[in-house]
Amino acid sequence: MKLLAILRSLLFTAGYVVTTVVWGTLGLLTGWLLPYRARFVYIIVIWTRMVLAWLRLTCGVRHEIHGLEHLPAQPCVVLVRHESTWETLFLQVLFAPQATVIKRELLRIPFFGWAYSMLRPIAIDRSDARGALRSLIRVGKERLDDGAWVLLFPEGTRMAPGEVGRFQRGGAALANAAGCPVVVIAHDAGRRWPARHWIKTPGVIQVEISPPITTIDRSTGEVNAEAESWLRDAMARLYPERAGDSDGKLLAPEEP
């Protein structure tokens, strides 16, 4: 079984690399001709749908979504669980157009980074925490006003499956400044595509979407605490076999 998983994962990786290079190059050459919303669909959504379809075909990785009815009619701040590469792909389809908060150096990645720079992400310098927060709030409000969802990974880095890190306050601060709600997304993609592992295992990724968390008459700390609490409860549901210790830390990821 492990040999089959390796072969299927190799096949996926080959297709993923070819698709990224070809579509990234095509997007660089022609994407600038389109208005922003059409450009986002052309460069990102179409490419992402191809990659997710290829992932399902080669590796048998599918997903189910719970709570779609909770999404507001208007774009807002979305705080996303980060434990895989899968969610960075899937969310590009679920929220379009979107502005993702990313490290500035990611835009230097050949082909993909160059094309992605045309999609108006919020690129921040993580070495300057105060400046990064000011930039996040200023540019994030502009993106929300333009009708784009703003996505952040509040834990700051990829976490082990089921383990929840402390939330950074940037997403809640932006939502408070913009006067919009916060939505939190939990998932168990680490079961199928673990962070820093290239071997995928077949199965269904479960995705949960929180009810909107209001920011009206509430402090950034209160909003952030409610969002983190919801994610902890959701991850406990998604990983019931990994009961946490008093610090909320769980076991190491499963080997694929």
Protein backbone atom coordinates (compact mmCIF):
# COMPACT_ATOMS: atom_id res chain seq x y z
CA MET A 1 0.00 0.00 0.00
CA LYS A 2 2.78 2.44 0.81
CA LEU A 3 4.47 1.77 -2.55
CA LEU A 4 1.17 2.55 -4.29
CA ALA A 5 0.83 5.78 -2.31
CA ILE A 6 4.36 6.78 -3.31
CA LEU A 7 3.69 6.10 -7.00
CA ARG A 8 0.39 7.99 -6.94
CA SER A 9 2.00 10.92 -5.12
CA LEU A 10 4.84 11.03 -7.65
CA LEU A 11 2.30 11.12 -10.48
CA PHE A 12 0.44 13.96 -8.79
CA THR A 13 3.64 15.94 -8.19
CA ALA A 14 4.68 15.62 -11.82
CA GLY A 15 1.33 16.92 -13.03
CA TYR A 16 1.29 19.64 -10.39
CA VAL A 17 4.70 20.99 -11.43
CA VAL A 18 3.89 20.93 -15.15
CA THR A 19 0.50 22.59 -14.63
CA THR A 20 1.99 25.29 -12.39
CA VAL A 21 4.77 26.16 -14.84
CA VAL A 22 2.48 26.17 -17.89
CA TRP A 23 -0.43 28.00 -16.31
CA GLY A 24 1.80 30.41 -14.39
CA THR A 25 3.59 31.35 -17.60
CA LEU A 26 0.31 31.73 -19.46
CA GLY A 27 -1.04 33.90 -16.67
CA LEU A 28 2.03 36.13 -16.75
CA LEU A 29 1.75 36.61 -20.48
CA THR A 30 -1.98 37.22 -20.76
CA GLY A 31 -3.52 37.76 -17.31
CA TRP A 32 -2.70 41.46 -17.17
CA LEU A 33 -5.14 42.02 -20.07
CA LEU A 34 -8.12 41.13 -17.84
CA PRO A 35 -9.84 43.14 -15.09
CA TYR A 36 -9.08 42.05 -11.53
CA ARG A 37 -12.01 39.67 -10.91
CA ALA A 38 -11.70 37.93 -14.25
CA ARG A 39 -7.92 37.80 -13.80
CA PHE A 40 -8.31 36.03 -10.44
CA VAL A 41 -10.59 33.37 -11.95
CA TYR A 42 -8.35 32.95 -14.98
CA ILE A 43 -5.01 32.65 -13.17
CA ILE A 44 -5.99 31.07 -9.86
CA VAL A 45 -9.45 29.47 -9.85
CA ILE A 46 -9.08 27.57 -13.12
CA TRP A 47 -5.57 26.39 -12.20
CA THR A 48 -6.69 25.36 -8.70
CA ARG A 49 -9.65 23.37 -10.02
CA MET A 50 -7.30 21.48 -12.33
CA VAL A 51 -4.90 20.71 -9.48
CA LEU A 52 -7.65 19.53 -7.10
CA ALA A 53 -9.18 17.36 -9.83
CA TRP A 54 -5.75 15.86 -10.52
CA LEU A 55 -5.25 15.27 -6.78
CA ARG A 56 -8.55 13.41 -6.59
CA LEU A 57 -7.77 11.34 -9.69
CA THR A 58 -4.21 10.38 -8.77
CA CYS A 59 -4.31 10.23 -4.96
CA GLY A 60 -8.00 9.75 -4.13
CA VAL A 61 -8.17 12.86 -1.92
CA ARG A 62 -11.67 14.38 -1.72
CA HIS A 63 -13.40 16.79 0.65
CA GLU A 64 -16.73 17.54 2.35
CA ILE A 65 -17.78 21.02 3.54
CA HIS A 66 -19.99 21.68 6.57
CA GLY A 67 -21.37 25.15 7.32
CA LEU A 68 -21.48 26.80 3.90
CA GLU A 69 -24.69 28.48 5.04
CA HIS A 70 -22.65 30.47 7.57
CA LEU A 71 -20.75 32.48 4.97
CA PRO A 72 -21.86 36.14 4.89
CA ALA A 73 -23.19 37.62 1.67
CA GLN A 74 -20.43 40.23 1.68
CA PRO A 75 -16.67 39.52 1.88
CA CYS A 76 -15.16 39.53 5.35
CA VAL A 77 -12.03 38.40 7.20
CA VAL A 78 -11.48 34.62 7.10
CA LEU A 79 -9.17 32.93 9.62
CA VAL A 80 -8.02 29.55 8.33
CA ARG A 81 -6.47 26.53 9.95
CA HIS A 82 -3.04 25.85 8.43
CA GLU A 83 -1.73 22.28 8.57
CA SER A 84 -1.24 21.30 4.93
CA THR A 85 -0.75 22.63 1.41
CA TRP A 86 -4.23 21.47 0.49
CA GLU A 87 -6.12 24.34 2.14
CA THR A 88 -4.07 26.95 0.27
CA LEU A 89 -5.45 25.42 -2.94
CA PHE A 90 -9.01 24.68 -1.87
CA LEU A 91 -9.66 28.14 -0.42
CA GLN A 92 -8.78 29.82 -3.71
CA VAL A 93 -11.92 28.22 -5.15
CA LEU A 94 -14.18 28.79 -2.13
CA PHE A 95 -13.38 32.52 -1.84
CA ALA A 96 -13.01 34.39 -5.10
CA PRO A 97 -11.70 36.95 -5.47
CA GLN A 98 -9.56 36.99 -2.36
CA ALA A 99 -6.52 38.73 -0.94
CA THR A 100 -4.34 36.35 1.02
CA VAL A 101 -1.89 37.61 3.61
CA ILE A 102 1.46 36.11 2.62
CA LYS A 103 5.16 36.49 3.27
CA ARG A 104 6.63 38.95 0.81
CA GLU A 105 9.31 36.49 -0.30
CA LEU A 106 6.69 34.08 -1.70
CA LEU A 107 6.16 36.45 -4.61
CA ARG A 108 9.71 35.69 -5.74
CA ILE A 109 8.88 32.04 -6.49
CA PRO A 110 9.35 31.54 -10.26
CA PHE A 111 6.19 31.31 -12.36
CA PHE A 112 3.62 30.95 -9.58
CA GLY A 113 4.86 33.85 -7.46
CA TRP A 114 5.24 36.10 -10.47
CA ALA A 115 1.69 35.38 -11.65
CA TYR A 116 0.31 35.58 -8.11
CA SER A 117 1.68 39.10 -7.71
CA MET A 118 -0.93 40.27 -10.25
CA LEU A 119 -3.74 39.12 -7.95
CA ARG A 120 -3.18 41.82 -5.32
CA PRO A 121 -2.23 39.70 -2.28
CA ILE A 122 -1.31 41.41 0.99
CA ALA A 123 2.43 40.80 1.10
CA ILE A 124 3.98 41.69 4.45
CA ASP A 125 7.47 41.80 5.91
CA ARG A 126 7.28 39.47 8.92
CA SER A 127 10.58 40.79 10.28
CA ASP A 128 8.84 44.11 11.06
CA ALA A 129 5.87 43.12 13.22
CA ARG A 130 4.54 46.62 13.85
CA GLY A 131 4.91 47.71 10.24
CA ALA A 132 3.34 44.44 9.06
CA LEU A 133 0.25 45.06 11.22
CA ARG A 134 -0.17 48.61 9.94
CA SER A 135 0.19 47.39 6.37
CA LEU A 136 -2.27 44.55 6.96
CA ILE A 137 -4.95 46.90 8.28
CA ARG A 138 -4.44 49.57 5.62
CA VAL A 139 -4.25 47.26 2.60
CA GLY A 140 -6.75 44.78 4.03
CA LYS A 141 -9.43 47.48 4.36
CA GLU A 142 -8.79 48.49 0.75
CA ARG A 143 -9.23 44.90 -0.44
CA LEU A 144 -12.45 44.45 1.55
CA ASP A 145 -13.81 47.72 0.17
CA ASP A 146 -13.03 46.42 -3.33
CA GLY A 147 -15.11 43.28 -2.72
CA ALA A 148 -12.34 40.78 -2.00
CA TRP A 149 -12.28 38.34 0.90
CA VAL A 150 -9.20 38.64 3.12
CA LEU A 151 -7.69 35.33 4.27
CA LEU A 152 -5.16 34.87 7.06
CA PHE A 153 -3.52 31.92 8.82
CA PRO A 154 -3.78 33.18 12.42
CA GLU A 155 -1.48 30.53 13.89
CA GLY A 156 1.34 31.97 11.77
CA THR A 157 2.74 28.67 10.51
CA ARG A 158 1.70 25.15 9.56
CA MET A 159 0.74 23.12 12.63
CA ALA A 160 0.86 19.39 13.29
CA PRO A 161 -2.47 17.65 12.62
CA GLY A 162 -4.88 18.47 15.44
CA GLU A 163 -2.51 20.79 17.32
CA VAL A 164 -3.75 24.38 17.70
CA GLY A 165 -1.37 27.30 18.12
CA ARG A 166 -2.05 30.67 19.71
CA PHE A 167 -3.81 33.09 17.40
CA GLN A 168 -2.04 36.21 16.25
CA ARG A 169 -4.20 39.32 16.56
CA GLY A 170 -3.83 40.72 13.05
CA GLY A 171 -6.98 39.20 11.57
CA ALA A 172 -9.19 40.32 14.45
CA ALA A 173 -7.60 43.78 14.38
CA LEU A 174 -8.33 44.12 10.65
CA ALA A 175 -11.95 42.98 11.11
CA ASN A 176 -12.45 45.48 13.93
CA ALA A 177 -10.95 48.29 11.86
CA ALA A 178 -13.11 47.38 8.85
CA GLY A 179 -16.26 46.76 10.88
CA CYS A 180 -16.82 43.33 9.33
CA PRO A 181 -17.32 39.88 10.89
CA VAL A 182 -14.79 37.07 11.17
CA VAL A 183 -15.31 33.54 9.85
CA VAL A 184 -13.08 30.66 11.00
CA ILE A 185 -12.37 27.54 8.94
CA ALA A 186 -11.17 24.24 10.41
CA HIS A 187 -10.20 21.08 8.53
CA ASP A 188 -8.22 17.85 8.87
CA ALA A 189 -6.21 18.02 5.63
CA GLY A 190 -3.12 16.94 7.54
CA ARG A 191 -4.49 13.42 7.57
CA ARG A 192 -4.27 13.22 3.78
CA TRP A 193 -1.51 15.70 2.89
CA PRO A 194 0.67 16.31 5.96
CA ALA A 195 2.79 19.43 6.12
CA ARG A 196 6.36 18.86 4.95
CA HIS A 197 5.40 15.43 3.56
CA TRP A 198 4.90 14.83 -0.13
CA ILE A 199 3.15 11.47 0.12
CA LYS A 200 -0.66 11.73 0.09
CA THR A 201 -3.13 9.14 1.38
CA PRO A 202 -6.63 8.65 -0.07
CA GLY A 203 -9.71 9.72 1.87
CA VAL A 204 -12.11 12.55 2.58
CA ILE A 205 -10.94 15.85 4.10
CA GLN A 206 -13.55 17.33 6.44
CA VAL A 207 -14.00 21.12 6.39
CA GLU A 208 -15.99 23.09 8.99
CA ILE A 209 -17.00 26.76 8.66
CA SER A 210 -17.90 28.76 11.76
CA PRO A 211 -20.89 31.08 12.14
CA PRO A 212 -19.83 34.71 11.65
CA ILE A 213 -18.17 36.23 14.71
CA THR A 214 -19.33 39.81 15.13
CA THR A 215 -16.91 42.66 15.86
CA ILE A 216 -19.58 45.20 16.82
CA ASP A 217 -18.87 46.77 20.23
CA ARG A 218 -16.13 44.21 20.91
CA SER A 219 -12.40 44.48 21.43
CA THR A 220 -9.80 42.85 19.20
CA GLY A 221 -8.88 40.57 22.09
CA GLU A 222 -12.46 39.36 22.56
CA VAL A 223 -12.90 38.62 18.86
CA ASN A 224 -9.56 36.84 18.68
CA ALA A 225 -10.30 34.74 21.76
CA GLU A 226 -13.70 33.63 20.43
CA ALA A 227 -12.19 32.71 17.07
CA GLU A 228 -9.42 30.67 18.69
CA SER A 229 -11.88 28.95 21.01
CA TRP A 230 -14.11 27.93 18.10
CA LEU A 231 -11.14 26.49 16.22
CA ARG A 232 -10.00 24.49 19.25
CA ASP A 233 -13.46 22.98 19.63
CA ALA A 234 -13.66 22.21 15.91
CA MET A 235 -10.25 20.55 15.86
CA ALA A 236 -11.27 18.40 18.84
CA ARG A 237 -14.23 17.21 16.76
CA LEU A 238 -12.07 16.57 13.71
CA TYR A 239 -9.36 14.74 15.69
CA PRO A 240 -11.26 12.96 18.51
CA GLU A 241 -8.55 10.30 18.75
CA ARG A 242 -5.96 12.88 19.72
CA ALA A 243 -7.09 14.22 23.05
CA GLY A 244 -4.83 17.16 23.94
CA ASP A 245 -2.89 17.76 27.10
CA SER A 246 -3.44 20.84 29.28
CA ASP A 247 -1.61 23.03 26.76
CA GLY A 248 -3.66 21.87 23.81
CA LYS A 249 -0.69 20.11 22.19
CA LEU A 250 -1.33 16.80 20.53
CA LEU A 251 0.66 13.89 19.21
CA ALA A 252 3.02 14.08 16.26
CA PRO A 253 1.53 13.65 12.78
CA GLU A 254 0.76 10.21 11.49
CA GLU A 255 3.25 8.80 9.04
CA PRO A 256 1.68 8.52 5.59
